[in-house]
PDB file of N, CA and C in Angstrom:
ATOM      1  N   MET A   1      -8.004   6.047  -8.279  1.00  0.00           N
ATOM      2  CA  MET A   1      -7.520   5.173  -7.364  1.00  0.00           C
ATOM      3  C   MET A   1      -6.285   4.595  -8.050  1.00  0.00           C
ATOM      4  N   ARG A   2      -4.893   4.036  -7.244  1.00  0.00           N
ATOM      5  CA  ARG A   2      -3.660   3.707  -7.495  1.00  0.00           C
ATOM      6  C   ARG A   2      -4.136   2.103  -8.054  1.00  0.00           C
ATOM      7  N   ALA A   3      -3.176   1.628  -8.782  1.00  0.00           N
ATOM      8  CA  ALA A   3      -3.208   0.322  -9.206  1.00  0.00           C
ATOM      9  C   ALA A   3      -1.942  -0.299 -10.192  1.00  0.00           C
ATOM     10  N   LEU A   4      -1.574  -1.414  -9.526  1.00  0.00           N
ATOM     11  CA  LEU A   4      -0.393  -2.135 -10.219  1.00  0.00           C
ATOM     12  C   LEU A   4      -0.488  -2.480 -11.852  1.00  0.00           C
ATOM     13  N   ARG A   5      -0.074  -1.607 -12.651  1.00  0.00           N
ATOM     14  CA  ARG A   5      -0.493  -2.378 -14.378  1.00  0.00           C
ATOM     15  C   ARG A   5       0.744  -3.064 -14.640  1.00  0.00           C
ATOM     16  N   ILE A   6       0.465  -4.449 -15.205  1.00  0.00           N
ATOM     17  CA  ILE A   6       1.363  -5.035 -16.121  1.00  0.00           C
ATOM     18  C   ILE A   6       1.147  -5.119 -17.556  1.00  0.00           C
ATOM     19  N   ASP A   7       1.933  -4.463 -18.644  1.00  0.00           N
ATOM     20  CA  ASP A   7       1.279  -4.679 -20.082  1.00  0.00           C
ATOM     21  C   ASP A   7       2.649  -5.551 -20.468  1.00  0.00           C
ATOM     22  N   ARG A   8       3.338  -5.913 -20.119  1.00  0.00           N
ATOM     23  CA  ARG A   8       4.497  -6.860 -20.899  1.00  0.00           C
ATOM     24  C   ARG A   8       5.110  -7.758 -19.928  1.00  0.00           C
ATOM     25  N   PHE A   9       5.604  -8.962 -20.055  1.00  0.00           N
ATOM     26  CA  PHE A   9       6.121  -9.946 -19.490  1.00  0.00           C
ATOM     27  C   PHE A   9       7.773  -9.106 -18.987  1.00  0.00           C
ATOM     28  N   GLY A  10       8.218  -9.928 -17.890  1.00  0.00           N
ATOM     29  CA  GLY A  10       9.338  -9.292 -17.647  1.00  0.00           C
ATOM     30  C   GLY A  10       9.850  -9.405 -16.106  1.00  0.00           C
ATOM     31  N   THR A  11      10.683  -8.457 -15.549  1.00  0.00           N
ATOM     32  CA  THR A  11      10.941  -8.837 -13.999  1.00  0.00           C
ATOM     33  C   THR A  11      10.309  -7.673 -13.215  1.00  0.00           C
ATOM     34  N   PRO A  12      10.115  -7.398 -11.990  1.00  0.00           N
ATOM     35  CA  PRO A  12       9.242  -6.667 -11.127  1.00  0.00           C
ATOM     36  C   PRO A  12       9.629  -5.094 -11.693  1.00  0.00           C
ATOM     37  N   ALA A  13      10.340  -4.915 -12.649  1.00  0.00           N
ATOM     38  CA  ALA A  13      10.689  -3.162 -13.499  1.00  0.00           C
ATOM     39  C   ALA A  13       9.572  -3.027 -14.065  1.00  0.00           C
ATOM     40  N   VAL A  14       8.609  -4.259 -14.892  1.00  0.00           N
ATOM     41  CA  VAL A  14       7.400  -3.888 -15.490  1.00  0.00           C
ATOM     42  C   VAL A  14       6.215  -3.065 -14.892  1.00  0.00           C
ATOM     43  N   LEU A  15       6.389  -3.399 -13.887  1.00  0.00           N
ATOM     44  CA  LEU A  15       5.154  -3.150 -12.943  1.00  0.00           C
ATOM     45  C   LEU A  15       5.108  -1.517 -12.740  1.00  0.00           C
ATOM     46  N   ASP A  16       4.072  -1.174 -13.150  1.00  0.00           N
ATOM     47  CA  ASP A  16       3.824   0.340 -13.274  1.00  0.00           C
ATOM     48  C   ASP A  16       2.320   0.830 -12.429  1.00  0.00           C
ATOM     49  N   ALA A  17       2.862   1.495 -11.404  1.00  0.00           N
ATOM     50  CA  ALA A  17       1.969   2.130 -10.294  1.00  0.00           C
ATOM     51  C   ALA A  17       1.281   3.156 -11.261  1.00  0.00           C
ATOM     52  N   VAL A  18      -0.064   3.139 -11.466  1.00  0.00           N
ATOM     53  CA  VAL A  18      -0.993   4.321 -12.235  1.00  0.00           C
ATOM     54  C   VAL A  18      -2.512   4.516 -11.866  1.00  0.00           C
ATOM     55  N   ASP A  19      -2.780   5.834 -12.138  1.00  0.00           N
ATOM     56  CA  ASP A  19      -3.922   6.061 -11.662  1.00  0.00           C
ATOM     57  C   ASP A  19      -5.099   5.783 -12.622  1.00  0.00           C
ATOM     58  N   VAL A  20      -6.132   4.826 -11.740  1.00  0.00           N
ATOM     59  CA  VAL A  20      -7.165   4.223 -12.962  1.00  0.00           C
ATOM     60  C   VAL A  20      -8.429   4.960 -12.000  1.00  0.00           C
ATOM     61  N   PRO A  21      -9.697   4.726 -13.051  1.00  0.00           N
ATOM     62  CA  PRO A  21     -10.487   5.298 -12.665  1.00  0.00           C
ATOM     63  C   PRO A  21     -11.684   4.129 -11.566  1.00  0.00           C
ATOM     64  N   GLU A  22     -12.090   4.839 -10.697  1.00  0.00           N
ATOM     65  CA  GLU A  22     -12.935   3.901  -9.446  1.00  0.00           C
ATOM     66  C   GLU A  22     -14.134   3.034 -10.487  1.00  0.00           C
ATOM     67  N   PRO A  23     -13.882   2.074  -9.898  1.00  0.00           N
ATOM     68  CA  PRO A  23     -14.744   1.089 -10.538  1.00  0.00           C
ATOM     69  C   PRO A  23     -16.288   1.280 -10.270  1.00  0.00           C
ATOM     70  N   GLU A  24     -17.156   1.484 -11.047  1.00  0.00           N
ATOM     71  CA  GLU A  24     -18.766   1.801 -10.907  1.00  0.00           C
ATOM     72  C   GLU A  24     -19.198  -0.088 -11.018  1.00  0.00           C
ATOM     73  N   PRO A  25     -19.902  -0.166 -10.035  1.00  0.00           N
ATOM     74  CA  PRO A  25     -20.778  -1.490 -10.131  1.00  0.00           C
ATOM     75  C   PRO A  25     -22.178  -1.243 -11.017  1.00  0.00           C
ATOM     76  N   SER A  26     -22.349  -2.307 -11.912  1.00  0.00           N
ATOM     77  CA  SER A  26     -23.547  -2.159 -12.827  1.00  0.00           C
ATOM     78  C   SER A  26     -24.858  -2.528 -12.526  1.00  0.00           C
ATOM     79  N   PRO A  27     -25.863  -2.374 -12.790  1.00  0.00           N
ATOM     80  CA  PRO A  27     -26.945  -2.931 -12.139  1.00  0.00           C
ATOM     81  C   PRO A  27     -26.864  -4.713 -11.727  1.00  0.00           C
ATOM     82  N   GLY A  28     -27.235  -4.978 -10.659  1.00  0.00           N
ATOM     83  CA  GLY A  28     -27.175  -6.160  -9.856  1.00  0.00           C
ATOM     84  C   GLY A  28     -25.897  -6.848  -9.598  1.00  0.00           C
ATOM     85  N   GLU A  29     -25.229  -5.751  -9.367  1.00  0.00           N
ATOM     86  CA  GLU A  29     -23.458  -6.451  -9.467  1.00  0.00           C
ATOM     87  C   GLU A  29     -23.255  -5.482  -7.833  1.00  0.00           C
ATOM     88  N   VAL A  30     -22.372  -5.747  -7.235  1.00  0.00           N
ATOM     89  CA  VAL A  30     -21.435  -4.775  -6.213  1.00  0.00           C
ATOM     90  C   VAL A  30     -20.523  -4.611  -6.253  1.00  0.00           C
ATOM     91  N   LEU A  31     -19.886  -3.425  -5.861  1.00  0.00           N
ATOM     92  CA  LEU A  31     -18.525  -3.215  -5.688  1.00  0.00           C
ATOM     93  C   LEU A  31     -17.686  -3.739  -3.961  1.00  0.00           C
ATOM     94  N   ILE A  32     -16.932  -4.243  -3.916  1.00  0.00           N
ATOM     95  CA  ILE A  32     -16.347  -4.796  -2.873  1.00  0.00           C
ATOM     96  C   ILE A  32     -14.874  -3.963  -2.522  1.00  0.00           C
ATOM     97  N   ARG A  33     -14.765  -3.236  -1.429  1.00  0.00           N
ATOM     98  CA  ARG A  33     -13.749  -2.691  -1.087  1.00  0.00           C
ATOM     99  C   ARG A  33     -12.273  -3.431  -0.999  1.00  0.00           C
ATOM    100  N   THR A  34     -11.225  -3.305  -1.186  1.00  0.00           N
ATOM    101  CA  THR A  34      -9.905  -4.457  -1.000  1.00  0.00           C
ATOM    102  C   THR A  34      -9.013  -3.720  -0.337  1.00  0.00           C
ATOM    103  N   VAL A  35      -8.505  -4.118   0.789  1.00  0.00           N
ATOM    104  CA  VAL A  35      -7.974  -3.365   1.721  1.00  0.00           C
ATOM    105  C   VAL A  35      -6.459  -3.948   1.693  1.00  0.00           C
ATOM    106  N   ALA A  36      -6.249  -4.906   1.501  1.00  0.00           N
ATOM    107  CA  ALA A  36      -5.030  -5.706   1.410  1.00  0.00           C
ATOM    108  C   ALA A  36      -5.331  -7.058   0.409  1.00  0.00           C
ATOM    109  N   THR A  37      -4.071  -7.236  -0.465  1.00  0.00           N
ATOM    110  CA  THR A  37      -4.162  -8.608  -1.094  1.00  0.00           C
ATOM    111  C   THR A  37      -2.707  -9.315  -0.783  1.00  0.00           C
ATOM    112  N   ILE A  38      -2.634 -10.487  -1.922  1.00  0.00           N
ATOM    113  CA  ILE A  38      -1.202 -11.292  -1.832  1.00  0.00           C
ATOM    114  C   ILE A  38      -0.719 -11.313  -3.099  1.00  0.00           C
ATOM    115  N   ILE A  39       0.420 -11.357  -3.525  1.00  0.00           N
ATOM    116  CA  ILE A  39       0.750 -11.742  -4.738  1.00  0.00           C
ATOM    117  C   ILE A  39       1.975 -13.088  -4.297  1.00  0.00           C
ATOM    118  N   ASN A  40       1.475 -14.111  -5.156  1.00  0.00           N
ATOM    119  CA  ASN A  40       1.885 -15.250  -4.539  1.00  0.00           C
ATOM    120  C   ASN A  40       3.209 -15.713  -5.816  1.00  0.00           C
ATOM    121  N   PRO A  41       3.549 -17.105  -5.489  1.00  0.00           N
ATOM    122  CA  PRO A  41       4.734 -17.474  -6.703  1.00  0.00           C
ATOM    123  C   PRO A  41       4.281 -17.569  -8.040  1.00  0.00           C
ATOM    124  N   VAL A  42       2.836 -18.089  -8.080  1.00  0.00           N
ATOM    125  CA  VAL A  42       2.223 -18.039  -9.585  1.00  0.00           C
ATOM    126  C   VAL A  42       2.372 -16.784 -10.290  1.00  0.00           C
ATOM    127  N   ASP A  43       1.671 -15.556  -9.441  1.00  0.00           N
ATOM    128  CA  ASP A  43       2.020 -14.370  -9.998  1.00  0.00           C
ATOM    129  C   ASP A  43       3.288 -13.891 -10.656  1.00  0.00           C
ATOM    130  N   ASP A  44       4.307 -14.161  -9.801  1.00  0.00           N
ATOM    131  CA  ASP A  44       5.385 -13.892 -10.212  1.00  0.00           C
ATOM    132  C   ASP A  44       5.641 -14.984 -11.711  1.00  0.00           C
ATOM    133  N   LYS A  45       5.685 -16.038 -11.539  1.00  0.00           N
ATOM    134  CA  LYS A  45       5.741 -16.921 -13.485  1.00  0.00           C
ATOM    135  C   LYS A  45       5.138 -16.197 -14.133  1.00  0.00           C
ATOM    136  N   THR A  46       3.574 -15.823 -13.834  1.00  0.00           N
ATOM    137  CA  THR A  46       3.035 -15.269 -14.864  1.00  0.00           C
ATOM    138  C   THR A  46       3.672 -14.111 -15.269  1.00  0.00           C
ATOM    139  N   ARG A  47       4.272 -12.725 -14.578  1.00  0.00           N
ATOM    140  CA  ARG A  47       4.668 -11.534 -14.848  1.00  0.00           C
ATOM    141  C   ARG A  47       5.638 -12.190 -15.648  1.00  0.00           C
ATOM    142  N   GLU A  48       6.634 -13.212 -15.579  1.00  0.00           N
ATOM    143  CA  GLU A  48       7.696 -13.132 -16.090  1.00  0.00           C
ATOM    144  C   GLU A  48       7.675 -13.907 -17.420  1.00  0.00           C
ATOM    145  N   GLY A  49       6.322 -14.698 -17.683  1.00  0.00           N
ATOM    146  CA  GLY A  49       5.858 -15.282 -18.871  1.00  0.00           C
ATOM    147  C   GLY A  49       6.259 -16.451 -18.578  1.00  0.00           C
ATOM    148  N   ALA A  50       6.740 -17.241 -17.763  1.00  0.00           N
ATOM    149  CA  ALA A  50       6.866 -18.590 -17.771  1.00  0.00           C
ATOM    150  C   ALA A  50       5.006 -18.942 -17.481  1.00  0.00           C
ATOM    151  N   GLY A  51       5.502 -20.594 -18.152  1.00  0.00           N
ATOM    152  CA  GLY A  51       4.561 -21.319 -17.898  1.00  0.00           C
ATOM    153  C   GLY A  51       3.261 -21.219 -18.160  1.00  0.00           C
ATOM    154  N   ASN A  52       1.732 -21.386 -17.578  1.00  0.00           N
ATOM    155  CA  ASN A  52       0.269 -21.089 -18.516  1.00  0.00           C
ATOM    156  C   ASN A  52       0.094 -20.099 -18.035  1.00  0.00           C
ATOM    157  N   PRO A  53       0.029 -18.709 -18.774  1.00  0.00           N
ATOM    158  CA  PRO A  53      -0.463 -17.410 -18.150  1.00  0.00           C
ATOM    159  C   PRO A  53      -1.738 -17.319 -18.114  1.00  0.00           C
ATOM    160  N   ARG A  54      -2.649 -18.482 -18.029  1.00  0.00           N
ATOM    161  CA  ARG A  54      -4.379 -18.707 -17.856  1.00  0.00           C
ATOM    162  C   ARG A  54      -4.341 -19.828 -17.606  1.00  0.00           C
ATOM    163  N   PRO A  55      -4.099 -20.239 -16.123  1.00  0.00           N
ATOM    164  CA  PRO A  55      -4.131 -21.454 -15.526  1.00  0.00           C
ATOM    165  C   PRO A  55      -5.784 -22.029 -15.853  1.00  0.00           C
ATOM    166  N   ALA A  56      -6.201 -23.295 -16.144  1.00  0.00           N
ATOM    167  CA  ALA A  56      -7.597 -23.927 -16.576  1.00  0.00           C
ATOM    168  C   ALA A  56      -8.322 -23.391 -15.521  1.00  0.00           C
ATOM    169  N   SER A  57      -8.050 -23.045 -14.257  1.00  0.00           N
ATOM    170  CA  SER A  57      -9.452 -22.752 -13.160  1.00  0.00           C
ATOM    171  C   SER A  57      -9.568 -21.145 -13.354  1.00  0.00           C
ATOM    172  N   VAL A  58      -9.114 -20.479 -14.035  1.00  0.00           N
ATOM    173  CA  VAL A  58      -9.041 -18.989 -14.623  1.00  0.00           C
ATOM    174  C   VAL A  58      -9.687 -18.922 -15.925  1.00  0.00           C
ATOM    175  N   ALA A  59      -9.491 -19.630 -16.766  1.00  0.00           N
ATOM    176  CA  ALA A  59      -9.787 -19.713 -18.221  1.00  0.00           C
ATOM    177  C   ALA A  59     -11.172 -20.455 -18.729  1.00  0.00           C
ATOM    178  N   ARG A  60     -11.371 -20.935 -17.470  1.00  0.00           N
ATOM    179  CA  ARG A  60     -13.051 -21.784 -17.905  1.00  0.00           C
ATOM    180  C   ARG A  60     -14.253 -20.973 -17.500  1.00  0.00           C
ATOM    181  N   ASP A  61     -15.150 -20.810 -18.078  1.00  0.00           N
ATOM    182  CA  ASP A  61     -16.089 -20.122 -17.261  1.00  0.00           C
ATOM    183  C   ASP A  61     -16.710 -19.943 -16.111  1.00  0.00           C
ATOM    184  N   ARG A  62     -16.902 -18.750 -15.691  1.00  0.00           N
ATOM    185  CA  ARG A  62     -17.308 -19.375 -13.960  1.00  0.00           C
ATOM    186  C   ARG A  62     -18.894 -19.043 -13.956  1.00  0.00           C
ATOM    187  N   LYS A  63     -19.377 -19.473 -12.665  1.00  0.00           N
ATOM    188  CA  LYS A  63     -20.993 -19.850 -12.286  1.00  0.00           C
ATOM    189  C   LYS A  63     -20.919 -18.070 -11.375  1.00  0.00           C
ATOM    190  N   PRO A  64     -21.984 -17.467 -11.037  1.00  0.00           N
ATOM    191  CA  PRO A  64     -21.718 -16.711 -10.173  1.00  0.00           C
ATOM    192  C   PRO A  64     -21.859 -16.981  -8.941  1.00  0.00           C
ATOM    193  N   LEU A  65     -21.113 -16.420  -8.029  1.00  0.00           N
ATOM    194  CA  LEU A  65     -20.813 -17.065  -6.614  1.00  0.00           C
ATOM    195  C   LEU A  65     -22.129 -16.665  -5.582  1.00  0.00           C
ATOM    196  N   ALA A  66     -22.589 -17.799  -5.407  1.00  0.00           N
ATOM    197  CA  ALA A  66     -23.735 -17.991  -4.757  1.00  0.00           C
ATOM    198  C   ALA A  66     -23.831 -17.740  -3.099  1.00  0.00           C
ATOM    199  N   ARG A  67     -22.985 -18.023  -2.365  1.00  0.00           N
ATOM    200  CA  ARG A  67     -22.705 -17.670  -1.207  1.00  0.00           C
ATOM    201  C   ARG A  67     -21.100 -17.650  -1.040  1.00  0.00           C
ATOM    202  N   GLY A  68     -20.615 -17.427   0.268  1.00  0.00           N
ATOM    203  CA  GLY A  68     -19.340 -17.431   0.525  1.00  0.00           C
ATOM    204  C   GLY A  68     -19.230 -16.489   1.717  1.00  0.00           C
ATOM    205  N   ALA A  69     -18.043 -16.238   2.354  1.00  0.00           N
ATOM    206  CA  ALA A  69     -17.192 -15.615   3.235  1.00  0.00           C
ATOM    207  C   ALA A  69     -16.923 -14.504   3.256  1.00  0.00           C
ATOM    208  N   ILE A  70     -17.250 -13.243   3.343  1.00  0.00           N
ATOM    209  CA  ILE A  70     -16.475 -12.049   3.573  1.00  0.00           C
ATOM    210  C   ILE A  70     -16.372 -11.259   4.763  1.00  0.00           C
ATOM    211  N   ALA A  71     -15.468 -10.997   4.976  1.00  0.00           N
ATOM    212  CA  ALA A  71     -15.254  -9.966   6.185  1.00  0.00           C
ATOM    213  C   ALA A  71     -15.293  -8.403   5.789  1.00  0.00           C
ATOM    214  N   GLY A  72     -15.865  -7.383   6.764  1.00  0.00           N
ATOM    215  CA  GLY A  72     -15.847  -6.113   6.355  1.00  0.00           C
ATOM    216  C   GLY A  72     -17.200  -5.471   6.223  1.00  0.00           C
ATOM    217  N   ALA A  73     -17.176  -4.339   5.635  1.00  0.00           N
ATOM    218  CA  ALA A  73     -18.340  -3.692   5.406  1.00  0.00           C
ATOM    219  C   ALA A  73     -19.025  -3.575   3.989  1.00  0.00           C
ATOM    220  N   ALA A  74     -20.081  -3.910   4.186  1.00  0.00           N
ATOM    221  CA  ALA A  74     -20.768  -4.273   2.310  1.00  0.00           C
ATOM    222  C   ALA A  74     -21.637  -3.041   2.308  1.00  0.00           C
TER     223      ALA A  74
END
């Protein structure tokens, strides 16, 4: 599959389109097919190396998602 990889801070030129292996879920996990996503201003700032690259909401440990809304096929 194709992915955008960032291995250093910088301008949009640091985005590299690369081939990566298809992810394989481990036992007890599911694989969710993503058909669209969004990049927001925080993503741009992180790519540039400005601000906190790991906001507190991402840095702390997460509990497994017990329920939620997901559209599409599973």
